[in-house]
Amino acid sequence: MDTATPPGSARLTFRDATDADAPALVALIESAYRGDSSRTGWTTEADLLEGQRTDEEGVRAVINAPAGRLLAVERDGGLIACCQLEHRGDAAYFGMFAVRPDSQGGGLGKVIIAEAERTARKSWGVAEMHMTVISAREDLIAWYERRGYRRTGQFTPFPYGDERFGIPQRDDLAFELLVKNIEAL
């Protein structure tokens, strides 16, 4: 088990998720992005997408990916957040980031993303962190920009017609690549 306690977050534990965590991780991710429960926090995509955000098969694929890991973040023994890290050559990919809606807005996300960047740099020696964000999520993109990420203007289409990723409520969804230099971390 990989654990770390970044400065200023004495009650947080970071560890690699296991297959046994998959049901709880799916519930966490769904609660942060879909349905009425997600509206408690600010990361909701409920106005953009209905249906599921992920499923146990998708979460297990991330957990067992040979070039990646899914970090489970616990506070006082309870699952509170997660994020995916995947080694992609000179960069790491950051995804599947979710924080319990009732824990959002208090600085927890900043601590988690900083630890994810540190972990990617230490584990793989990468110079950059990459992520994709739905381009319509201007508030979320602005949050990442305040963390040092920059918009690239590189877009990939949303997978319309594949309900494993949700049911779009708009016809203009796309993912934008955001990049941050983490070499100095």
C-alpha atoms as a PDB file:
ATOM      1  CA  MET A   1       0.000   0.000   0.000  1.00  0.00           C
ATOM      2  CA  ASP A   2       1.282   3.425  -0.969  1.00  0.00           C
ATOM      3  CA  THR A   3       0.516   6.119   1.558  1.00  0.00           C
ATOM      4  CA  ALA A   4       1.554   9.719   1.802  1.00  0.00           C
ATOM      5  CA  THR A   5       0.543  12.637   3.933  1.00  0.00           C
ATOM      6  CA  PRO A   6       1.273  15.968   2.265  1.00  0.00           C
ATOM      7  CA  PRO A   7       1.986  18.970   4.496  1.00  0.00           C
ATOM      8  CA  GLY A   8      -1.196  20.632   5.781  1.00  0.00           C
ATOM      9  CA  SER A   9      -3.347  17.532   5.310  1.00  0.00           C
ATOM     10  CA  ALA A  10      -2.494  15.359   8.295  1.00  0.00           C
ATOM     11  CA  ARG A  11      -5.792  13.523   8.154  1.00  0.00           C
ATOM     12  CA  LEU A  12      -5.488  12.468   4.492  1.00  0.00           C
ATOM     13  CA  THR A  13      -4.132   9.134   3.311  1.00  0.00           C
ATOM     14  CA  PHE A  14      -3.264   8.483  -0.331  1.00  0.00           C
ATOM     15  CA  ARG A  15      -3.099   4.872  -1.467  1.00  0.00           C
ATOM     16  CA  ASP A  16      -3.413   2.831  -4.618  1.00  0.00           C
ATOM     17  CA  ALA A  17      -6.981   1.664  -5.093  1.00  0.00           C
ATOM     18  CA  THR A  18      -7.717  -2.058  -5.353  1.00  0.00           C
ATOM     19  CA  ASP A  19     -10.435  -4.021  -7.136  1.00  0.00           C
ATOM     20  CA  ALA A  20     -12.307  -4.218  -3.822  1.00  0.00           C
ATOM     21  CA  ASP A  21     -12.577  -0.398  -3.854  1.00  0.00           C
ATOM     22  CA  ALA A  22     -14.380  -0.292  -7.213  1.00  0.00           C
ATOM     23  CA  PRO A  23     -17.989  -0.104  -5.935  1.00  0.00           C
ATOM     24  CA  ALA A  24     -17.177   2.714  -3.490  1.00  0.00           C
ATOM     25  CA  LEU A  25     -15.161   4.562  -6.140  1.00  0.00           C
ATOM     26  CA  VAL A  26     -18.029   4.374  -8.645  1.00  0.00           C
ATOM     27  CA  ALA A  27     -20.414   5.756  -6.000  1.00  0.00           C
ATOM     28  CA  LEU A  28     -17.975   8.580  -5.216  1.00  0.00           C
ATOM     29  CA  ILE A  29     -17.434   9.521  -8.871  1.00  0.00           C
ATOM     30  CA  GLU A  30     -21.139   9.395  -9.681  1.00  0.00           C
ATOM     31  CA  SER A  31     -21.990  11.534  -6.628  1.00  0.00           C
ATOM     32  CA  ALA A  32     -19.477  14.208  -7.697  1.00  0.00           C
ATOM     33  CA  TYR A  33     -20.672  14.517 -11.305  1.00  0.00           C
ATOM     34  CA  ARG A  34     -24.165  13.157 -11.887  1.00  0.00           C
ATOM     35  CA  GLY A  35     -27.658  13.554 -10.510  1.00  0.00           C
ATOM     36  CA  ASP A  36     -29.050  15.743  -7.763  1.00  0.00           C
ATOM     37  CA  SER A  37     -26.424  14.712  -5.208  1.00  0.00           C
ATOM     38  CA  SER A  38     -23.725  16.246  -7.413  1.00  0.00           C
ATOM     39  CA  ARG A  39     -25.396  19.658  -7.169  1.00  0.00           C
ATOM     40  CA  THR A  40     -24.246  19.867  -3.531  1.00  0.00           C
ATOM     41  CA  GLY A  41     -20.725  20.492  -4.859  1.00  0.00           C
ATOM     42  CA  TRP A  42     -19.545  22.660  -7.718  1.00  0.00           C
ATOM     43  CA  THR A  43     -18.089  19.958 -10.009  1.00  0.00           C
ATOM     44  CA  THR A  44     -21.471  18.714 -11.235  1.00  0.00           C
ATOM     45  CA  GLU A  45     -21.966  17.897 -14.892  1.00  0.00           C
ATOM     46  CA  ALA A  46     -25.677  17.222 -14.312  1.00  0.00           C
ATOM     47  CA  ASP A  47     -26.763  20.025 -16.662  1.00  0.00           C
ATOM     48  CA  LEU A  48     -24.502  18.732 -19.437  1.00  0.00           C
ATOM     49  CA  LEU A  49     -24.829  14.967 -19.095  1.00  0.00           C
ATOM     50  CA  GLU A  50     -27.282  12.477 -17.666  1.00  0.00           C
ATOM     51  CA  GLY A  51     -26.735   8.780 -17.101  1.00  0.00           C
ATOM     52  CA  GLN A  52     -23.544   7.289 -15.745  1.00  0.00           C
ATOM     53  CA  ARG A  53     -20.084   8.844 -15.566  1.00  0.00           C
ATOM     54  CA  THR A  54     -18.355   5.495 -15.114  1.00  0.00           C
ATOM     55  CA  ASP A  55     -18.998   1.926 -14.014  1.00  0.00           C
ATOM     56  CA  GLU A  56     -17.161  -0.785 -12.089  1.00  0.00           C
ATOM     57  CA  GLU A  57     -15.636  -2.224 -15.252  1.00  0.00           C
ATOM     58  CA  GLY A  58     -14.204   1.180 -16.190  1.00  0.00           C
ATOM     59  CA  VAL A  59     -12.865   1.818 -12.695  1.00  0.00           C
ATOM     60  CA  ARG A  60     -11.261  -1.625 -12.528  1.00  0.00           C
ATOM     61  CA  ALA A  61      -9.618  -1.005 -15.914  1.00  0.00           C
ATOM     62  CA  VAL A  62      -7.966   2.117 -14.471  1.00  0.00           C
ATOM     63  CA  ILE A  63      -6.970   0.321 -11.259  1.00  0.00           C
ATOM     64  CA  ASN A  64      -5.325  -2.506 -13.213  1.00  0.00           C
ATOM     65  CA  ALA A  65      -3.775  -0.482 -16.037  1.00  0.00           C
ATOM     66  CA  PRO A  66      -0.099  -1.456 -16.277  1.00  0.00           C
ATOM     67  CA  ALA A  67       1.048   2.135 -16.880  1.00  0.00           C
ATOM     68  CA  GLY A  68      -1.166   3.771 -14.290  1.00  0.00           C
ATOM     69  CA  ARG A  69      -2.763   3.879 -10.919  1.00  0.00           C
ATOM     70  CA  LEU A  70      -5.932   5.112  -9.302  1.00  0.00           C
ATOM     71  CA  LEU A  71      -5.236   6.970  -6.079  1.00  0.00           C
ATOM     72  CA  ALA A  72      -7.850   6.600  -3.361  1.00  0.00           C
ATOM     73  CA  VAL A  73      -7.846   9.462  -0.877  1.00  0.00           C
ATOM     74  CA  GLU A  74      -9.161   8.792   2.601  1.00  0.00           C
ATOM     75  CA  ARG A  75      -9.805  11.042   5.559  1.00  0.00           C
ATOM     76  CA  ASP A  76     -10.293   9.449   8.951  1.00  0.00           C
ATOM     77  CA  GLY A  77     -10.625   6.053   7.256  1.00  0.00           C
ATOM     78  CA  GLY A  78     -13.388   7.055   4.820  1.00  0.00           C
ATOM     79  CA  LEU A  79     -13.081   7.444   1.043  1.00  0.00           C
ATOM     80  CA  ILE A  80     -13.310  11.134   0.220  1.00  0.00           C
ATOM     81  CA  ALA A  81     -11.666  11.519  -3.207  1.00  0.00           C
ATOM     82  CA  CYS A  82      -9.823   9.788  -6.024  1.00  0.00           C
ATOM     83  CA  CYS A  83      -7.791  10.514  -9.126  1.00  0.00           C
ATOM     84  CA  GLN A  84      -6.229   8.578 -11.978  1.00  0.00           C
ATOM     85  CA  LEU A  85      -2.575   8.875 -12.948  1.00  0.00           C
ATOM     86  CA  GLU A  86      -1.310   7.261 -16.140  1.00  0.00           C
ATOM     87  CA  HIS A  87       2.240   7.317 -17.494  1.00  0.00           C
ATOM     88  CA  ARG A  88       2.244   8.444 -21.123  1.00  0.00           C
ATOM     89  CA  GLY A  89       5.830   8.886 -22.279  1.00  0.00           C
ATOM     90  CA  ASP A  90       7.183  12.274 -21.174  1.00  0.00           C
ATOM     91  CA  ALA A  91       3.883  13.160 -19.518  1.00  0.00           C
ATOM     92  CA  ALA A  92       1.414  11.809 -17.020  1.00  0.00           C
ATOM     93  CA  TYR A  93      -2.333  11.901 -17.573  1.00  0.00           C
ATOM     94  CA  PHE A  94      -4.557  13.091 -14.713  1.00  0.00           C
ATOM     95  CA  GLY A  95      -8.181  11.971 -14.796  1.00  0.00           C
ATOM     96  CA  MET A  96     -11.129  10.459 -12.976  1.00  0.00           C
ATOM     97  CA  PHE A  97     -10.748  13.206 -10.342  1.00  0.00           C
ATOM     98  CA  ALA A  98     -13.611  13.242  -7.870  1.00  0.00           C
ATOM     99  CA  VAL A  99     -14.133  14.774  -4.444  1.00  0.00           C
ATOM    100  CA  ARG A 100     -17.198  14.038  -2.343  1.00  0.00           C
ATOM    101  CA  PRO A 101     -19.667  16.892  -3.004  1.00  0.00           C
ATOM    102  CA  ASP A 102     -20.050  17.756   0.690  1.00  0.00           C
ATOM    103  CA  SER A 103     -16.255  18.143   0.921  1.00  0.00           C
ATOM    104  CA  GLN A 104     -15.801  20.429  -2.077  1.00  0.00           C
ATOM    105  CA  GLY A 105     -14.893  24.095  -1.840  1.00  0.00           C
ATOM    106  CA  GLY A 106     -12.596  23.826   1.179  1.00  0.00           C
ATOM    107  CA  GLY A 107      -9.212  23.427  -0.499  1.00  0.00           C
ATOM    108  CA  LEU A 108      -9.123  19.620  -0.595  1.00  0.00           C
ATOM    109  CA  GLY A 109      -8.882  19.553  -4.397  1.00  0.00           C
ATOM    110  CA  LYS A 110      -5.763  21.751  -4.335  1.00  0.00           C
ATOM    111  CA  VAL A 111      -4.043  19.357  -1.918  1.00  0.00           C
ATOM    112  CA  ILE A 112      -4.999  16.299  -3.973  1.00  0.00           C
ATOM    113  CA  ILE A 113      -3.875  17.672  -7.324  1.00  0.00           C
ATOM    114  CA  ALA A 114      -0.569  18.826  -5.808  1.00  0.00           C
ATOM    115  CA  GLU A 115       0.017  15.345  -4.402  1.00  0.00           C
ATOM    116  CA  ALA A 116      -0.921  13.777  -7.758  1.00  0.00           C
ATOM    117  CA  GLU A 117       1.597  16.002  -9.544  1.00  0.00           C
ATOM    118  CA  ARG A 118       4.300  15.167  -6.988  1.00  0.00           C
ATOM    119  CA  THR A 119       3.522  11.451  -7.278  1.00  0.00           C
ATOM    120  CA  ALA A 120       3.667  11.498 -11.093  1.00  0.00           C
ATOM    121  CA  ARG A 121       6.973  13.374 -11.070  1.00  0.00           C
ATOM    122  CA  LYS A 122       8.495  11.072  -8.446  1.00  0.00           C
ATOM    123  CA  SER A 123       7.145   7.827  -9.952  1.00  0.00           C
ATOM    124  CA  TRP A 124       7.872   8.449 -13.621  1.00  0.00           C
ATOM    125  CA  GLY A 125      10.151  11.501 -13.833  1.00  0.00           C
ATOM    126  CA  VAL A 126       7.713  13.197 -16.211  1.00  0.00           C
ATOM    127  CA  ALA A 127       7.930  16.868 -17.107  1.00  0.00           C
ATOM    128  CA  GLU A 128       4.247  17.489 -17.809  1.00  0.00           C
ATOM    129  CA  MET A 129       0.804  16.608 -16.525  1.00  0.00           C
ATOM    130  CA  HIS A 130      -1.985  16.372 -19.098  1.00  0.00           C
ATOM    131  CA  MET A 131      -5.734  16.233 -18.612  1.00  0.00           C
ATOM    132  CA  THR A 132      -8.864  16.654 -20.673  1.00  0.00           C
ATOM    133  CA  VAL A 133     -11.835  18.702 -19.514  1.00  0.00           C
ATOM    134  CA  ILE A 134     -15.215  19.221 -21.154  1.00  0.00           C
ATOM    135  CA  SER A 135     -14.708  22.598 -22.834  1.00  0.00           C
ATOM    136  CA  ALA A 136     -18.129  23.851 -21.698  1.00  0.00           C
ATOM    137  CA  ARG A 137     -16.901  23.613 -18.076  1.00  0.00           C
ATOM    138  CA  GLU A 138     -15.436  27.138 -17.965  1.00  0.00           C
ATOM    139  CA  ASP A 139     -15.554  27.272 -14.144  1.00  0.00           C
ATOM    140  CA  LEU A 140     -13.598  24.032 -13.844  1.00  0.00           C
ATOM    141  CA  ILE A 141     -11.087  25.059 -16.505  1.00  0.00           C
ATOM    142  CA  ALA A 142     -10.557  28.364 -14.661  1.00  0.00           C
ATOM    143  CA  TRP A 143      -9.901  26.397 -11.444  1.00  0.00           C
ATOM    144  CA  TYR A 144      -7.234  24.321 -13.213  1.00  0.00           C
ATOM    145  CA  GLU A 145      -5.711  27.469 -14.744  1.00  0.00           C
ATOM    146  CA  ARG A 146      -5.307  28.857 -11.213  1.00  0.00           C
ATOM    147  CA  ARG A 147      -3.361  25.650 -10.439  1.00  0.00           C
ATOM    148  CA  GLY A 148      -0.958  26.366 -13.334  1.00  0.00           C
ATOM    149  CA  TYR A 149      -2.607  24.425 -16.168  1.00  0.00           C
ATOM    150  CA  ARG A 150      -2.882  26.042 -19.576  1.00  0.00           C
ATOM    151  CA  ARG A 151      -5.396  25.575 -22.324  1.00  0.00           C
ATOM    152  CA  THR A 152      -3.921  24.137 -25.503  1.00  0.00           C
ATOM    153  CA  GLY A 153      -6.758  24.658 -27.957  1.00  0.00           C
ATOM    154  CA  GLN A 154      -6.503  20.946 -28.810  1.00  0.00           C
ATOM    155  CA  PHE A 155      -9.934  19.323 -28.767  1.00  0.00           C
ATOM    156  CA  THR A 156     -11.225  15.778 -29.078  1.00  0.00           C
ATOM    157  CA  PRO A 157     -14.875  15.034 -29.718  1.00  0.00           C
ATOM    158  CA  PHE A 158     -17.181  13.805 -26.981  1.00  0.00           C
ATOM    159  CA  PRO A 159     -18.133  10.129 -27.587  1.00  0.00           C
ATOM    160  CA  TYR A 160     -21.757  10.801 -28.552  1.00  0.00           C
ATOM    161  CA  GLY A 161     -23.777   7.613 -28.737  1.00  0.00           C
ATOM    162  CA  ASP A 162     -21.676   5.752 -26.148  1.00  0.00           C
ATOM    163  CA  GLU A 163     -23.798   5.855 -23.004  1.00  0.00           C
ATOM    164  CA  ARG A 164     -20.938   4.477 -20.903  1.00  0.00           C
ATOM    165  CA  PHE A 165     -19.809   8.125 -20.723  1.00  0.00           C
ATOM    166  CA  GLY A 166     -23.220   9.669 -20.153  1.00  0.00           C
ATOM    167  CA  ILE A 167     -26.135  10.957 -22.159  1.00  0.00           C
ATOM    168  CA  PRO A 168     -25.320  14.418 -23.540  1.00  0.00           C
ATOM    169  CA  GLN A 169     -27.871  17.160 -23.011  1.00  0.00           C
ATOM    170  CA  ARG A 170     -26.136  19.420 -25.559  1.00  0.00           C
ATOM    171  CA  ASP A 171     -24.722  18.895 -29.030  1.00  0.00           C
ATOM    172  CA  ASP A 172     -21.566  20.996 -28.577  1.00  0.00           C
ATOM    173  CA  LEU A 173     -19.539  18.925 -26.100  1.00  0.00           C
ATOM    174  CA  ALA A 174     -15.821  18.322 -26.651  1.00  0.00           C
ATOM    175  CA  PHE A 175     -12.757  17.698 -24.493  1.00  0.00           C
ATOM    176  CA  GLU A 176      -9.941  20.243 -24.342  1.00  0.00           C
ATOM    177  CA  LEU A 177      -6.402  19.225 -23.455  1.00  0.00           C
ATOM    178  CA  LEU A 178      -4.907  21.138 -20.507  1.00  0.00           C
ATOM    179  CA  VAL A 179      -1.172  20.911 -19.760  1.00  0.00           C
ATOM    180  CA  LYS A 180       1.071  21.873 -16.844  1.00  0.00           C
ATOM    181  CA  ASN A 181       4.845  21.775 -16.568  1.00  0.00           C
ATOM    182  CA  ILE A 182       5.626  19.812 -13.382  1.00  0.00           C
ATOM    183  CA  GLU A 183       9.340  19.405 -14.019  1.00  0.00           C
ATOM    184  CA  ALA A 184      10.357  21.665 -11.115  1.00  0.00           C
ATOM    185  CA  LEU A 185       8.199  19.862  -8.539  1.00  0.00           C
END
